[in-house]
Amino acid sequence: MIERQVVIETIGWISTASFLISILMPNRIHLHQLGVFTSITTGIYAYSHGATAIWVKWLIAFFFHAYMVVKSKRAT
């Protein structure tokens, strides 16, 4: 049980770090690619804690960032 908690908390901290790094991204395509990763890790973290509202919010963010990645790639 302790190992599972450590893994989940590590995912949560990786998600937090990737969000903070995304603030510094000068290129929008990289920002949205990192946003997809952050959405997935935050969704896993929120789901494991039973935080449905946060999980749903990050699911929406995942689709937004995925859409923006596709849109940005088509524009270039």
PDB file of N, CA and C in Angstrom:
ATOM      1  N   MET A   1       0.826  -1.197   0.000  1.00  0.00           N
ATOM      2  CA  MET A   1       0.000   0.000   0.000  1.00  0.00           C
ATOM      3  C   MET A   1       0.869   1.259   0.000  1.00  0.00           C
ATOM      4  N   ILE A   2       1.932   1.250   0.783  1.00  0.00           N
ATOM      5  CA  ILE A   2       2.823   2.410   0.848  1.00  0.00           C
ATOM      6  C   ILE A   2       3.465   2.674  -0.513  1.00  0.00           C
ATOM      7  N   GLU A   3       3.852   1.619  -1.221  1.00  0.00           N
ATOM      8  CA  GLU A   3       4.480   1.778  -2.529  1.00  0.00           C
ATOM      9  C   GLU A   3       3.530   2.456  -3.509  1.00  0.00           C
ATOM     10  N   ARG A   4       2.265   2.065  -3.478  1.00  0.00           N
ATOM     11  CA  ARG A   4       1.267   2.676  -4.361  1.00  0.00           C
ATOM     12  C   ARG A   4       1.118   4.155  -4.047  1.00  0.00           C
ATOM     13  N   GLN A   5       1.089   4.508  -2.776  1.00  0.00           N
ATOM     14  CA  GLN A   5       0.970   5.914  -2.383  1.00  0.00           C
ATOM     15  C   GLN A   5       2.171   6.721  -2.854  1.00  0.00           C
ATOM     16  N   VAL A   6       3.351   6.145  -2.745  1.00  0.00           N
ATOM     17  CA  VAL A   6       4.564   6.837  -3.198  1.00  0.00           C
ATOM     18  C   VAL A   6       4.511   7.066  -4.706  1.00  0.00           C
ATOM     19  N   VAL A   7       4.074   6.063  -5.450  1.00  0.00           N
ATOM     20  CA  VAL A   7       3.967   6.193  -6.903  1.00  0.00           C
ATOM     21  C   VAL A   7       2.963   7.285  -7.263  1.00  0.00           C
ATOM     22  N   ILE A   8       1.807   7.271  -6.631  1.00  0.00           N
ATOM     23  CA  ILE A   8       0.772   8.270  -6.923  1.00  0.00           C
ATOM     24  C   ILE A   8       1.255   9.676  -6.567  1.00  0.00           C
ATOM     25  N   GLU A   9       1.886   9.830  -5.415  1.00  0.00           N
ATOM     26  CA  GLU A   9       2.398  11.149  -5.024  1.00  0.00           C
ATOM     27  C   GLU A   9       3.510  11.612  -5.967  1.00  0.00           C
ATOM     28  N   THR A  10       4.323  10.683  -6.440  1.00  0.00           N
ATOM     29  CA  THR A  10       5.365  11.030  -7.414  1.00  0.00           C
ATOM     30  C   THR A  10       4.732  11.527  -8.707  1.00  0.00           C
ATOM     31  N   ILE A  11       3.683  10.863  -9.152  1.00  0.00           N
ATOM     32  CA  ILE A  11       2.952  11.318 -10.349  1.00  0.00           C
ATOM     33  C   ILE A  11       2.404  12.719 -10.115  1.00  0.00           C
ATOM     34  N   GLY A  12       1.867  12.964  -8.931  1.00  0.00           N
ATOM     35  CA  GLY A  12       1.345  14.292  -8.607  1.00  0.00           C
ATOM     36  C   GLY A  12       2.420  15.373  -8.662  1.00  0.00           C
ATOM     37  N   TRP A  13       3.599  15.070  -8.140  1.00  0.00           N
ATOM     38  CA  TRP A  13       4.693  16.058  -8.152  1.00  0.00           C
ATOM     39  C   TRP A  13       5.249  16.253  -9.559  1.00  0.00           C
ATOM     40  N   ILE A  14       5.303  15.187 -10.357  1.00  0.00           N
ATOM     41  CA  ILE A  14       5.730  15.326 -11.756  1.00  0.00           C
ATOM     42  C   ILE A  14       4.747  16.215 -12.508  1.00  0.00           C
ATOM     43  N   SER A  15       3.470  16.021 -12.244  1.00  0.00           N
ATOM     44  CA  SER A  15       2.445  16.848 -12.866  1.00  0.00           C
ATOM     45  C   SER A  15       2.599  18.314 -12.481  1.00  0.00           C
ATOM     46  N   THR A  16       2.843  18.556 -11.211  1.00  0.00           N
ATOM     47  CA  THR A  16       3.030  19.929 -10.741  1.00  0.00           C
ATOM     48  C   THR A  16       4.257  20.555 -11.388  1.00  0.00           C
ATOM     49  N   ALA A  17       5.348  19.815 -11.444  1.00  0.00           N
ATOM     50  CA  ALA A  17       6.576  20.332 -12.056  1.00  0.00           C
ATOM     51  C   ALA A  17       6.376  20.622 -13.537  1.00  0.00           C
ATOM     52  N   SER A  18       5.695  19.734 -14.255  1.00  0.00           N
ATOM     53  CA  SER A  18       5.480  19.972 -15.686  1.00  0.00           C
ATOM     54  C   SER A  18       4.580  21.174 -15.913  1.00  0.00           C
ATOM     55  N   PHE A  19       3.621  21.401 -15.016  1.00  0.00           N
ATOM     56  CA  PHE A  19       2.788  22.603 -15.127  1.00  0.00           C
ATOM     57  C   PHE A  19       3.630  23.854 -14.943  1.00  0.00           C
ATOM     58  N   LEU A  20       4.505  23.849 -13.950  1.00  0.00           N
ATOM     59  CA  LEU A  20       5.363  25.014 -13.711  1.00  0.00           C
ATOM     60  C   LEU A  20       6.314  25.250 -14.881  1.00  0.00           C
ATOM     61  N   ILE A  21       6.845  24.187 -15.451  1.00  0.00           N
ATOM     62  CA  ILE A  21       7.732  24.312 -16.609  1.00  0.00           C
ATOM     63  C   ILE A  21       6.962  24.865 -17.807  1.00  0.00           C
ATOM     64  N   SER A  22       5.701  24.462 -17.953  1.00  0.00           N
ATOM     65  CA  SER A  22       4.910  24.913 -19.111  1.00  0.00           C
ATOM     66  C   SER A  22       4.719  26.424 -19.113  1.00  0.00           C
ATOM     67  N   ILE A  23       4.782  27.043 -17.957  1.00  0.00           N
ATOM     68  CA  ILE A  23       4.651  28.500 -17.880  1.00  0.00           C
ATOM     69  C   ILE A  23       5.789  29.181 -18.628  1.00  0.00           C
ATOM     70  N   LEU A  24       6.940  28.541 -18.669  1.00  0.00           N
ATOM     71  CA  LEU A  24       8.127  29.124 -19.293  1.00  0.00           C
ATOM     72  C   LEU A  24       8.268  28.797 -20.779  1.00  0.00           C
ATOM     73  N   MET A  25       7.372  28.011 -21.328  1.00  0.00           N
ATOM     74  CA  MET A  25       7.478  27.584 -22.720  1.00  0.00           C
ATOM     75  C   MET A  25       7.221  28.753 -23.671  1.00  0.00           C
ATOM     76  N   PRO A  26       8.225  29.123 -24.473  1.00  0.00           N
ATOM     77  CA  PRO A  26       8.017  30.231 -25.412  1.00  0.00           C
ATOM     78  C   PRO A  26       7.234  29.806 -26.662  1.00  0.00           C
ATOM     79  N   ASN A  27       7.328  28.545 -27.035  1.00  0.00           N
ATOM     80  CA  ASN A  27       6.670  28.045 -28.235  1.00  0.00           C
ATOM     81  C   ASN A  27       5.320  27.438 -27.856  1.00  0.00           C
ATOM     82  N   ARG A  28       4.255  27.915 -28.480  1.00  0.00           N
ATOM     83  CA  ARG A  28       2.903  27.459 -28.121  1.00  0.00           C
ATOM     84  C   ARG A  28       2.702  25.967 -28.364  1.00  0.00           C
ATOM     85  N   ILE A  29       3.305  25.416 -29.416  1.00  0.00           N
ATOM     86  CA  ILE A  29       3.118  23.983 -29.692  1.00  0.00           C
ATOM     87  C   ILE A  29       3.714  23.156 -28.553  1.00  0.00           C
ATOM     88  N   HIS A  30       4.873  23.586 -28.047  1.00  0.00           N
ATOM     89  CA  HIS A  30       5.478  22.862 -26.927  1.00  0.00           C
ATOM     90  C   HIS A  30       4.660  23.041 -25.653  1.00  0.00           C
ATOM     91  N   LEU A  31       4.102  24.221 -25.496  1.00  0.00           N
ATOM     92  CA  LEU A  31       3.229  24.480 -24.344  1.00  0.00           C
ATOM     93  C   LEU A  31       2.062  23.503 -24.338  1.00  0.00           C
ATOM     94  N   HIS A  32       1.413  23.335 -25.475  1.00  0.00           N
ATOM     95  CA  HIS A  32       0.241  22.458 -25.542  1.00  0.00           C
ATOM     96  C   HIS A  32       0.632  20.976 -25.477  1.00  0.00           C
ATOM     97  N   GLN A  33       1.788  20.616 -26.012  1.00  0.00           N
ATOM     98  CA  GLN A  33       2.249  19.237 -25.877  1.00  0.00           C
ATOM     99  C   GLN A  33       2.514  18.908 -24.413  1.00  0.00           C
ATOM    100  N   LEU A  34       3.140  19.836 -23.710  1.00  0.00           N
ATOM    101  CA  LEU A  34       3.366  19.629 -22.280  1.00  0.00           C
ATOM    102  C   LEU A  34       2.034  19.651 -21.529  1.00  0.00           C
ATOM    103  N   GLY A  35       1.083  20.461 -22.005  1.00  0.00           N
ATOM    104  CA  GLY A  35      -0.249  20.499 -21.399  1.00  0.00           C
ATOM    105  C   GLY A  35      -0.960  19.159 -21.498  1.00  0.00           C
ATOM    106  N   VAL A  36      -0.780  18.457 -22.616  1.00  0.00           N
ATOM    107  CA  VAL A  36      -1.372  17.120 -22.764  1.00  0.00           C
ATOM    108  C   VAL A  36      -0.775  16.183 -21.716  1.00  0.00           C
ATOM    109  N   PHE A  37       0.549  16.207 -21.580  1.00  0.00           N
ATOM    110  CA  PHE A  37       1.213  15.363 -20.585  1.00  0.00           C
ATOM    111  C   PHE A  37       0.742  15.709 -19.171  1.00  0.00           C
ATOM    112  N   THR A  38       0.682  17.002 -18.866  1.00  0.00           N
ATOM    113  CA  THR A  38       0.241  17.447 -17.540  1.00  0.00           C
ATOM    114  C   THR A  38      -1.195  17.022 -17.269  1.00  0.00           C
ATOM    115  N   SER A  39      -2.041  17.102 -18.277  1.00  0.00           N
ATOM    116  CA  SER A  39      -3.436  16.685 -18.119  1.00  0.00           C
ATOM    117  C   SER A  39      -3.537  15.213 -17.764  1.00  0.00           C
ATOM    118  N   ILE A  40      -2.740  14.404 -18.438  1.00  0.00           N
ATOM    119  CA  ILE A  40      -2.782  12.963 -18.180  1.00  0.00           C
ATOM    120  C   ILE A  40      -2.300  12.663 -16.761  1.00  0.00           C
ATOM    121  N   THR A  41      -1.152  13.239 -16.372  1.00  0.00           N
ATOM    122  CA  THR A  41      -0.614  12.946 -15.038  1.00  0.00           C
ATOM    123  C   THR A  41      -1.510  13.491 -13.933  1.00  0.00           C
ATOM    124  N   THR A  42      -2.078  14.669 -14.132  1.00  0.00           N
ATOM    125  CA  THR A  42      -2.980  15.216 -13.127  1.00  0.00           C
ATOM    126  C   THR A  42      -4.261  14.405 -13.051  1.00  0.00           C
ATOM    127  N   GLY A  43      -4.753  13.950 -14.201  1.00  0.00           N
ATOM    128  CA  GLY A  43      -5.948  13.104 -14.217  1.00  0.00           C
ATOM    129  C   GLY A  43      -5.736  11.815 -13.448  1.00  0.00           C
ATOM    130  N   ILE A  44      -4.577  11.193 -13.636  1.00  0.00           N
ATOM    131  CA  ILE A  44      -4.257   9.967 -12.899  1.00  0.00           C
ATOM    132  C   ILE A  44      -4.205  10.257 -11.403  1.00  0.00           C
ATOM    133  N   TYR A  45      -3.540  11.343 -11.048  1.00  0.00           N
ATOM    134  CA  TYR A  45      -3.410  11.711  -9.637  1.00  0.00           C
ATOM    135  C   TYR A  45      -4.773  11.997  -9.008  1.00  0.00           C
ATOM    136  N   ALA A  46      -5.588  12.782  -9.687  1.00  0.00           N
ATOM    137  CA  ALA A  46      -6.907  13.135  -9.155  1.00  0.00           C
ATOM    138  C   ALA A  46      -7.812  11.910  -9.070  1.00  0.00           C
ATOM    139  N   TYR A  47      -7.782  11.069 -10.089  1.00  0.00           N
ATOM    140  CA  TYR A  47      -8.615   9.866 -10.092  1.00  0.00           C
ATOM    141  C   TYR A  47      -8.230   8.933  -8.946  1.00  0.00           C
ATOM    142  N   SER A  48      -6.943   8.817  -8.686  1.00  0.00           N
ATOM    143  CA  SER A  48      -6.499   7.913  -7.619  1.00  0.00           C
ATOM    144  C   SER A  48      -6.938   8.394  -6.241  1.00  0.00           C
ATOM    145  N   HIS A  49      -7.168   9.700  -6.116  1.00  0.00           N
ATOM    146  CA  HIS A  49      -7.621  10.258  -4.842  1.00  0.00           C
ATOM    147  C   HIS A  49      -9.145  10.414  -4.792  1.00  0.00           C
ATOM    148  N   GLY A  50      -9.813  10.028  -5.867  1.00  0.00           N
ATOM    149  CA  GLY A  50     -11.263  10.132  -5.899  1.00  0.00           C
ATOM    150  C   GLY A  50     -11.768  11.553  -6.077  1.00  0.00           C
ATOM    151  N   ALA A  51     -10.913  12.425  -6.587  1.00  0.00           N
ATOM    152  CA  ALA A  51     -11.281  13.828  -6.775  1.00  0.00           C
ATOM    153  C   ALA A  51     -11.893  13.997  -8.163  1.00  0.00           C
ATOM    154  N   THR A  52     -13.152  13.659  -8.281  1.00  0.00           N
ATOM    155  CA  THR A  52     -13.827  13.629  -9.578  1.00  0.00           C
ATOM    156  C   THR A  52     -13.845  14.990 -10.263  1.00  0.00           C
ATOM    157  N   ALA A  53     -14.098  16.049  -9.534  1.00  0.00           N
ATOM    158  CA  ALA A  53     -14.161  17.381 -10.147  1.00  0.00           C
ATOM    159  C   ALA A  53     -12.822  17.764 -10.776  1.00  0.00           C
ATOM    160  N   ILE A  54     -11.747  17.476 -10.096  1.00  0.00           N
ATOM    161  CA  ILE A  54     -10.425  17.791 -10.641  1.00  0.00           C
ATOM    162  C   ILE A  54     -10.127  16.892 -11.833  1.00  0.00           C
ATOM    163  N   TRP A  55     -10.493  15.620 -11.737  1.00  0.00           N
ATOM    164  CA  TRP A  55     -10.257  14.685 -12.830  1.00  0.00           C
ATOM    165  C   TRP A  55     -11.001  15.144 -14.084  1.00  0.00           C
ATOM    166  N   VAL A  56     -12.231  15.566 -13.936  1.00  0.00           N
ATOM    167  CA  VAL A  56     -13.022  16.029 -15.080  1.00  0.00           C
ATOM    168  C   VAL A  56     -12.421  17.311 -15.658  1.00  0.00           C
ATOM    169  N   LYS A  57     -11.983  18.217 -14.794  1.00  0.00           N
ATOM    170  CA  LYS A  57     -11.368  19.464 -15.266  1.00  0.00           C
ATOM    171  C   LYS A  57     -10.137  19.164 -16.115  1.00  0.00           C
ATOM    172  N   TRP A  58      -9.324  18.233 -15.682  1.00  0.00           N
ATOM    173  CA  TRP A  58      -8.114  17.913 -16.427  1.00  0.00           C
ATOM    174  C   TRP A  58      -8.421  17.085 -17.668  1.00  0.00           C
ATOM    175  N   LEU A  59      -9.505  16.369 -17.687  1.00  0.00           N
ATOM    176  CA  LEU A  59      -9.930  15.679 -18.898  1.00  0.00           C
ATOM    177  C   LEU A  59     -10.292  16.710 -19.968  1.00  0.00           C
ATOM    178  N   ILE A  60     -10.988  17.746 -19.560  1.00  0.00           N
ATOM    179  CA  ILE A  60     -11.320  18.843 -20.469  1.00  0.00           C
ATOM    180  C   ILE A  60     -10.040  19.518 -20.952  1.00  0.00           C
ATOM    181  N   ALA A  61      -9.104  19.760 -20.048  1.00  0.00           N
ATOM    182  CA  ALA A  61      -7.825  20.380 -20.418  1.00  0.00           C
ATOM    183  C   ALA A  61      -7.065  19.504 -21.412  1.00  0.00           C
ATOM    184  N   PHE A  62      -7.123  18.181 -21.216  1.00  0.00           N
ATOM    185  CA  PHE A  62      -6.456  17.271 -22.147  1.00  0.00           C
ATOM    186  C   PHE A  62      -6.983  17.471 -23.564  1.00  0.00           C
ATOM    187  N   PHE A  63      -8.305  17.481 -23.723  1.00  0.00           N
ATOM    188  CA  PHE A  63      -8.869  17.637 -25.059  1.00  0.00           C
ATOM    189  C   PHE A  63      -8.580  19.018 -25.638  1.00  0.00           C
ATOM    190  N   PHE A  64      -8.568  20.042 -24.797  1.00  0.00           N
ATOM    191  CA  PHE A  64      -8.228  21.384 -25.272  1.00  0.00           C
ATOM    192  C   PHE A  64      -6.790  21.413 -25.790  1.00  0.00           C
ATOM    193  N   HIS A  65      -5.861  20.909 -24.993  1.00  0.00           N
ATOM    194  CA  HIS A  65      -4.453  20.941 -25.402  1.00  0.00           C
ATOM    195  C   HIS A  65      -4.209  20.052 -26.626  1.00  0.00           C
ATOM    196  N   ALA A  66      -4.860  18.905 -26.687  1.00  0.00           N
ATOM    197  CA  ALA A  66      -4.715  18.030 -27.852  1.00  0.00           C
ATOM    198  C   ALA A  66      -5.231  18.725 -29.110  1.00  0.00           C
ATOM    199  N   TYR A  67      -6.367  19.399 -28.992  1.00  0.00           N
ATOM    200  CA  TYR A  67      -6.923  20.158 -30.111  1.00  0.00           C
ATOM    201  C   TYR A  67      -5.959  21.258 -30.549  1.00  0.00           C
ATOM    202  N   MET A  68      -5.382  21.964 -29.586  1.00  0.00           N
ATOM    203  CA  MET A  68      -4.468  23.056 -29.921  1.00  0.00           C
ATOM    204  C   MET A  68      -3.176  22.532 -30.559  1.00  0.00           C
ATOM    205  N   VAL A  69      -2.709  21.362 -30.162  1.00  0.00           N
ATOM    206  CA  VAL A  69      -1.528  20.764 -30.801  1.00  0.00           C
ATOM    207  C   VAL A  69      -1.822  20.503 -32.271  1.00  0.00           C
ATOM    208  N   VAL A  70      -2.964  19.878 -32.541  1.00  0.00           N
ATOM    209  CA  VAL A  70      -3.345  19.580 -33.930  1.00  0.00           C
ATOM    210  C   VAL A  70      -3.531  20.875 -34.705  1.00  0.00           C
ATOM    211  N   LYS A  71      -4.199  21.836 -34.139  1.00  0.00           N
ATOM    212  CA  LYS A  71      -4.447  23.118 -34.807  1.00  0.00           C
ATOM    213  C   LYS A  71      -3.139  23.853 -35.091  1.00  0.00           C
ATOM    214  N   SER A  72      -2.223  23.860 -34.132  1.00  0.00           N
ATOM    215  CA  SER A  72      -0.942  24.539 -34.311  1.00  0.00           C
ATOM    216  C   SER A  72      -0.096  23.864 -35.372  1.00  0.00           C
ATOM    217  N   LYS A  73      -0.126  22.541 -35.421  1.00  0.00           N
ATOM    218  CA  LYS A  73       0.646  21.825 -36.435  1.00  0.00           C
ATOM    219  C   LYS A  73       0.091  22.073 -37.833  1.00  0.00           C
ATOM    220  N   ARG A  74      -1.209  22.185 -37.947  1.00  0.00           N
ATOM    221  CA  ARG A  74      -1.822  22.455 -39.259  1.00  0.00           C
ATOM    222  C   ARG A  74      -1.511  23.866 -39.736  1.00  0.00           C
ATOM    223  N   ALA A  75      -1.354  24.787 -38.810  1.00  0.00           N
ATOM    224  CA  ALA A  75      -1.095  26.188 -39.166  1.00  0.00           C
ATOM    225  C   ALA A  75       0.338  26.379 -39.657  1.00  0.00           C
ATOM    226  N   THR A  76       1.237  25.464 -39.309  1.00  0.00           N
ATOM    227  CA  THR A  76       2.640  25.641 -39.721  1.00  0.00           C
ATOM    228  C   THR A  76       2.952  24.957 -41.014  1.00  0.00           C
TER     229      THR A  76
END
